[in-house]
N, C-alpha and C. Protein backbone atom coordinates (compact mmCIF):
# COMPACT_ATOMS: atom_id res chain seq x y z
N MET A 1 0.78 -1.08 0.01
CA MET A 1 -0.14 -0.16 -0.06
C MET A 1 1.07 1.24 -0.01
N LYS A 2 0.74 2.18 -0.90
CA LYS A 2 1.18 3.39 -0.78
C LYS A 2 0.17 4.75 -0.57
N VAL A 3 0.55 5.45 0.19
CA VAL A 3 -0.12 6.55 0.65
C VAL A 3 0.62 7.89 0.19
N SER A 4 -0.12 8.88 -0.63
CA SER A 4 0.70 9.98 -0.76
C SER A 4 -0.33 11.07 -0.29
N VAL A 5 -0.02 12.09 0.03
CA VAL A 5 -0.59 13.15 0.61
C VAL A 5 0.20 14.45 -0.37
N VAL A 6 -0.60 15.16 -0.87
CA VAL A 6 -0.48 16.60 -1.76
C VAL A 6 -1.09 17.51 -0.81
N ARG A 7 -0.10 18.54 -0.50
CA ARG A 7 -0.56 19.77 -0.11
C ARG A 7 -0.38 20.95 -0.31
N GLY A 8 -1.14 21.68 -0.66
CA GLY A 8 -1.13 23.02 -1.73
C GLY A 8 -2.07 24.04 -0.91
N GLY A 9 -1.67 25.03 -1.34
CA GLY A 9 -2.40 26.31 -1.07
C GLY A 9 -1.53 27.15 0.45
N GLY A 10 -2.63 28.09 0.92
CA GLY A 10 -1.91 28.41 2.13
C GLY A 10 -1.37 29.67 1.87
N PHE A 11 -0.72 30.49 2.71
CA PHE A 11 -0.22 31.61 2.45
C PHE A 11 1.19 31.78 1.73
N ALA A 12 2.02 30.51 1.73
CA ALA A 12 3.27 30.58 1.02
C ALA A 12 2.94 29.96 -0.43
N GLY A 13 1.92 29.27 -0.67
CA GLY A 13 1.39 28.43 -1.90
C GLY A 13 2.40 27.59 -2.30
N LEU A 14 3.11 26.88 -1.11
CA LEU A 14 4.05 25.78 -1.65
C LEU A 14 3.01 24.45 -1.87
N VAL A 15 3.84 23.66 -2.53
CA VAL A 15 2.80 22.39 -2.60
C VAL A 15 3.93 21.56 -2.29
N THR A 16 3.78 20.58 -1.36
CA THR A 16 4.43 19.41 -0.66
C THR A 16 3.56 18.26 -1.03
N THR A 17 4.36 17.24 -1.47
CA THR A 17 4.16 15.97 -1.74
C THR A 17 4.56 15.02 -0.62
N THR A 18 3.92 14.32 0.12
CA THR A 18 4.56 13.26 1.21
C THR A 18 4.02 11.81 0.87
N THR A 19 4.80 10.67 0.98
CA THR A 19 4.30 9.52 0.48
C THR A 19 5.13 8.47 1.73
N ALA A 20 4.21 7.59 1.85
CA ALA A 20 4.98 6.23 2.74
C ALA A 20 4.38 5.33 1.91
N ASP A 21 5.26 4.16 2.04
CA ASP A 21 5.06 2.97 1.34
C ASP A 21 5.18 1.97 2.14
N THR A 22 4.05 0.94 2.33
CA THR A 22 4.29 0.04 3.16
C THR A 22 5.51 -1.07 2.83
N ALA A 23 5.85 -0.82 1.85
CA ALA A 23 7.05 -1.86 1.17
C ALA A 23 8.30 -1.51 1.66
N SER A 24 8.66 0.01 2.07
CA SER A 24 9.64 0.23 2.53
C SER A 24 9.68 0.81 4.37
N LEU A 25 8.45 0.49 4.67
CA LEU A 25 8.33 0.74 6.13
C LEU A 25 8.49 -0.52 7.15
N ASP A 26 9.17 -0.41 8.37
CA ASP A 26 9.04 -1.35 9.28
C ASP A 26 7.68 -2.13 9.33
N PRO A 27 7.47 -3.82 9.34
CA PRO A 27 6.49 -4.21 9.71
C PRO A 27 5.18 -3.40 10.51
N GLY A 28 5.66 -3.02 11.74
CA GLY A 28 4.73 -2.54 12.64
C GLY A 28 4.56 -1.19 12.11
N ASP A 29 5.10 -0.26 11.62
CA ASP A 29 4.94 1.05 11.09
C ASP A 29 3.77 0.89 9.85
N ALA A 30 4.28 -0.34 9.00
CA ALA A 30 3.16 -0.76 7.74
C ALA A 30 1.89 -1.00 8.43
N GLU A 31 1.60 -1.70 9.57
CA GLU A 31 0.44 -2.18 9.87
C GLU A 31 -0.32 -1.05 10.49
N ALA A 32 0.43 -0.23 10.93
CA ALA A 32 -0.26 1.05 11.46
C ALA A 32 -0.74 1.91 10.31
N LEU A 33 -0.07 2.19 9.45
CA LEU A 33 -0.54 2.99 8.12
C LEU A 33 -1.85 2.17 7.53
N ARG A 34 -1.79 0.79 7.38
CA ARG A 34 -3.14 0.13 6.96
C ARG A 34 -4.09 0.58 7.83
N ALA A 35 -3.88 0.34 9.16
CA ALA A 35 -4.96 0.70 10.44
C ALA A 35 -5.54 2.20 10.16
N LYS A 36 -4.38 3.03 9.97
CA LYS A 36 -5.07 4.37 9.55
C LYS A 36 -6.07 4.87 8.50
N VAL A 37 -5.63 4.11 7.53
CA VAL A 37 -5.97 4.36 6.23
C VAL A 37 -7.48 3.80 6.39
N GLY A 38 -7.69 2.35 7.09
CA GLY A 38 -8.88 1.54 7.20
C GLY A 38 -9.86 2.80 8.02
N ARG A 39 -9.33 3.57 8.57
CA ARG A 39 -10.21 4.48 9.74
C ARG A 39 -10.82 5.62 8.77
N VAL A 40 -10.42 5.92 7.61
CA VAL A 40 -10.88 6.94 6.60
C VAL A 40 -11.58 6.53 5.65
N ASP A 41 -12.76 7.45 5.12
CA ASP A 41 -13.81 7.09 4.02
C ASP A 41 -13.46 7.81 3.04
N LEU A 42 -12.76 7.03 1.94
CA LEU A 42 -12.03 8.09 1.14
C LEU A 42 -12.99 8.35 0.25
N THR A 43 -14.15 7.67 -0.19
CA THR A 43 -15.26 7.69 -0.94
C THR A 43 -16.37 8.58 -0.57
N ALA A 44 -16.02 9.22 0.40
CA ALA A 44 -17.44 10.30 0.52
C ALA A 44 -17.00 11.49 1.29
N PRO A 45 -16.15 12.42 0.47
CA PRO A 45 -15.91 13.75 0.84
C PRO A 45 -17.19 14.41 1.28
N PRO A 46 -16.93 15.31 2.30
CA PRO A 46 -18.28 16.17 2.76
C PRO A 46 -18.68 17.11 1.35
N PRO A 47 -19.84 17.18 1.24
CA PRO A 47 -20.38 17.86 -0.04
C PRO A 47 -19.80 19.44 0.15
N ALA A 48 -19.48 19.72 1.05
CA ALA A 48 -19.30 21.40 0.79
C ALA A 48 -17.74 21.35 0.52
N GLU A 49 -16.98 20.51 0.73
CA GLU A 49 -15.72 20.18 0.34
C GLU A 49 -15.29 19.88 -1.06
N ARG A 50 -16.09 19.93 -1.93
CA ARG A 50 -15.80 19.25 -3.43
C ARG A 50 -15.47 20.45 -4.13
N GLY A 51 -16.05 21.58 -3.95
CA GLY A 51 -15.28 22.73 -4.49
C GLY A 51 -13.92 23.27 -4.11
N ALA A 52 -13.30 24.02 -5.25
CA ALA A 52 -12.07 24.76 -4.70
C ALA A 52 -12.19 25.90 -3.74
N GLY A 53 -11.57 25.81 -2.21
CA GLY A 53 -12.12 26.78 -1.41
C GLY A 53 -10.84 27.93 -1.77
N PRO A 54 -10.64 29.10 -1.12
CA PRO A 54 -9.75 30.33 -1.30
C PRO A 54 -8.43 29.86 -1.32
N ALA A 55 -7.75 30.72 -1.88
CA ALA A 55 -6.12 30.16 -2.40
C ALA A 55 -5.28 30.18 -1.18
N ASP A 56 -5.71 31.11 0.06
CA ASP A 56 -5.09 30.89 1.36
C ASP A 56 -5.34 29.86 2.33
N VAL A 57 -6.41 29.05 1.95
CA VAL A 57 -6.60 27.81 2.61
C VAL A 57 -6.11 26.64 2.03
N PRO A 58 -5.13 26.02 3.08
CA PRO A 58 -4.18 24.66 2.74
C PRO A 58 -5.45 23.71 2.27
N ALA A 59 -5.09 22.91 0.99
CA ALA A 59 -5.86 22.08 0.62
C ALA A 59 -5.31 20.79 0.64
N TYR A 60 -5.82 19.24 0.76
CA TYR A 60 -4.98 18.38 0.31
C TYR A 60 -5.60 17.33 -0.61
N LYS A 61 -4.89 16.52 -1.33
CA LYS A 61 -5.05 15.56 -2.21
C LYS A 61 -4.48 14.30 -1.30
N VAL A 62 -5.42 13.21 -0.84
CA VAL A 62 -4.88 12.04 -0.45
C VAL A 62 -4.94 10.89 -1.53
N THR A 63 -3.89 10.39 -1.78
CA THR A 63 -4.38 8.88 -2.75
C THR A 63 -3.61 8.04 -2.15
N VAL A 64 -4.44 6.67 -2.14
CA VAL A 64 -4.18 5.44 -1.61
C VAL A 64 -4.16 4.42 -2.64
N GLU A 65 -2.92 3.76 -2.95
CA GLU A 65 -2.98 2.71 -3.85
C GLU A 65 -2.58 1.44 -3.22
N ASP A 66 -3.31 0.30 -3.52
CA ASP A 66 -3.47 -0.74 -2.83
C ASP A 66 -4.12 -1.88 -4.07
N ASP A 67 -3.01 -2.58 -4.01
CA ASP A 67 -3.51 -3.84 -5.12
C ASP A 67 -4.37 -3.56 -6.24
N GLY A 68 -3.18 -2.33 -6.80
CA GLY A 68 -3.91 -2.31 -8.27
C GLY A 68 -5.11 -1.27 -8.28
N ARG A 69 -5.66 -0.84 -6.94
CA ARG A 69 -6.80 0.08 -6.63
C ARG A 69 -6.34 1.30 -6.21
N VAL A 70 -6.76 2.51 -6.72
CA VAL A 70 -6.39 3.96 -6.33
C VAL A 70 -7.73 4.60 -5.71
N GLN A 71 -7.72 4.98 -4.86
CA GLN A 71 -8.66 5.78 -4.39
C GLN A 71 -8.09 7.19 -3.99
N GLU A 72 -8.74 8.52 -4.28
CA GLU A 72 -8.23 9.56 -3.91
C GLU A 72 -9.75 10.72 -3.50
N LEU A 73 -8.88 11.32 -2.63
CA LEU A 73 -9.76 12.41 -1.78
C LEU A 73 -9.18 13.41 -1.94
N ARG A 74 -9.97 14.65 -2.14
CA ARG A 74 -9.46 15.96 -1.96
C ARG A 74 -10.32 16.87 -1.15
N VAL A 75 -9.82 17.63 -0.27
CA VAL A 75 -10.37 18.32 0.92
C VAL A 75 -9.57 19.42 1.35
N SER A 76 -10.36 20.31 1.64
CA SER A 76 -9.67 21.72 2.67
C SER A 76 -9.25 21.28 3.98
N GLU A 77 -8.43 22.29 4.44
CA GLU A 77 -8.07 22.01 5.66
C GLU A 77 -9.32 21.84 6.67
N SER A 78 -10.40 23.04 6.53
CA SER A 78 -11.53 22.93 7.27
C SER A 78 -12.06 21.76 7.32
N GLY A 79 -12.22 21.14 6.23
CA GLY A 79 -13.16 19.85 5.89
C GLY A 79 -12.54 18.56 6.53
N LEU A 80 -10.93 18.41 7.21
CA LEU A 80 -10.45 17.34 7.43
C LEU A 80 -11.20 16.77 8.99
N THR A 81 -11.49 15.57 8.38
CA THR A 81 -11.93 14.71 9.83
C THR A 81 -10.88 14.49 10.58
N PRO A 82 -10.89 13.92 12.02
CA PRO A 82 -10.18 13.58 12.82
C PRO A 82 -9.34 12.32 12.41
N ALA A 83 -9.82 11.28 11.89
CA ALA A 83 -9.33 10.18 11.11
C ALA A 83 -8.15 10.56 9.83
N LEU A 84 -8.89 11.62 8.89
CA LEU A 84 -7.88 12.03 8.03
C LEU A 84 -6.79 12.86 8.36
N ARG A 85 -7.11 13.51 9.25
CA ARG A 85 -6.02 14.74 10.02
C ARG A 85 -4.84 13.48 10.55
N ASP A 86 -5.36 12.65 11.26
CA ASP A 86 -4.42 11.60 11.88
C ASP A 86 -3.55 10.79 10.90
N LEU A 87 -4.23 10.50 9.87
CA LEU A 87 -3.44 9.79 8.72
C LEU A 87 -2.37 10.67 7.88
N ILE A 88 -2.92 11.77 7.80
CA ILE A 88 -1.70 12.92 7.02
C ILE A 88 -0.57 13.25 7.98
N SER A 89 -1.08 13.14 9.17
CA SER A 89 0.26 13.26 10.11
C SER A 89 0.81 12.44 10.25
N TYR A 90 0.38 11.09 10.19
CA TYR A 90 1.51 9.77 10.30
C TYR A 90 2.27 9.55 8.96
N VAL A 91 1.45 10.10 7.64
CA VAL A 91 2.19 9.63 6.67
C VAL A 91 3.48 10.68 6.70
N GLY A 92 3.11 12.08 7.11
CA GLY A 92 4.72 12.72 7.24
C GLY A 92 5.30 12.78 8.44
N SER A 93 5.25 11.59 9.19
CA SER A 93 6.23 11.38 10.39
C SER A 93 6.81 10.14 10.32
N VAL A 94 6.00 9.39 10.05
CA VAL A 94 6.68 7.71 10.10
C VAL A 94 7.97 7.63 9.34
N PRO A 95 8.86 6.90 10.06
CA PRO A 95 10.45 6.75 9.56
C PRO A 95 10.19 6.25 8.25
N GLY A 96 10.69 6.50 7.21
CA GLY A 96 10.80 5.93 5.75
C GLY A 96 9.82 6.55 4.96
N HIS A 97 9.46 7.71 5.17
CA HIS A 97 8.23 8.26 4.39
C HIS A 97 9.38 9.15 3.69
N GLU A 98 8.88 9.75 2.58
CA GLU A 98 9.33 10.54 1.57
C GLU A 98 8.55 11.91 1.53
N GLU A 99 9.33 13.16 1.26
CA GLU A 99 9.01 14.34 1.07
C GLU A 99 9.63 15.07 -0.14
N ARG A 100 8.77 16.07 -0.58
CA ARG A 100 9.57 16.57 -1.68
C ARG A 100 8.59 18.23 -1.99
N VAL A 101 9.03 19.27 -2.27
CA VAL A 101 8.28 20.66 -2.50
C VAL A 101 8.73 20.77 -3.64
N GLU A 102 7.31 21.09 -3.97
CA GLU A 102 7.55 21.55 -5.52
C GLU A 102 7.26 23.19 -5.81
């Protein structure tokens, strides 16, 4: 399973991509990533979050690739659920994650 988080917008306008891949994580970290993904409903973003928000509000695109299946969710900072916020935080902090700034 590979989870990518693209964060864009905000006052600085930077775009960062953070990726965690279970193939390159320790087994315990890989299991934790799978569990966190399991707590997030990637198929049902809140209707109010479907459109583009103001440019100064951070927005996220979360992509989960697993066994050839790809799920994607786009949401603004204000639309983050606690489970989604936890997943995004974990992807950015787990040892073995990759990050790039565009």
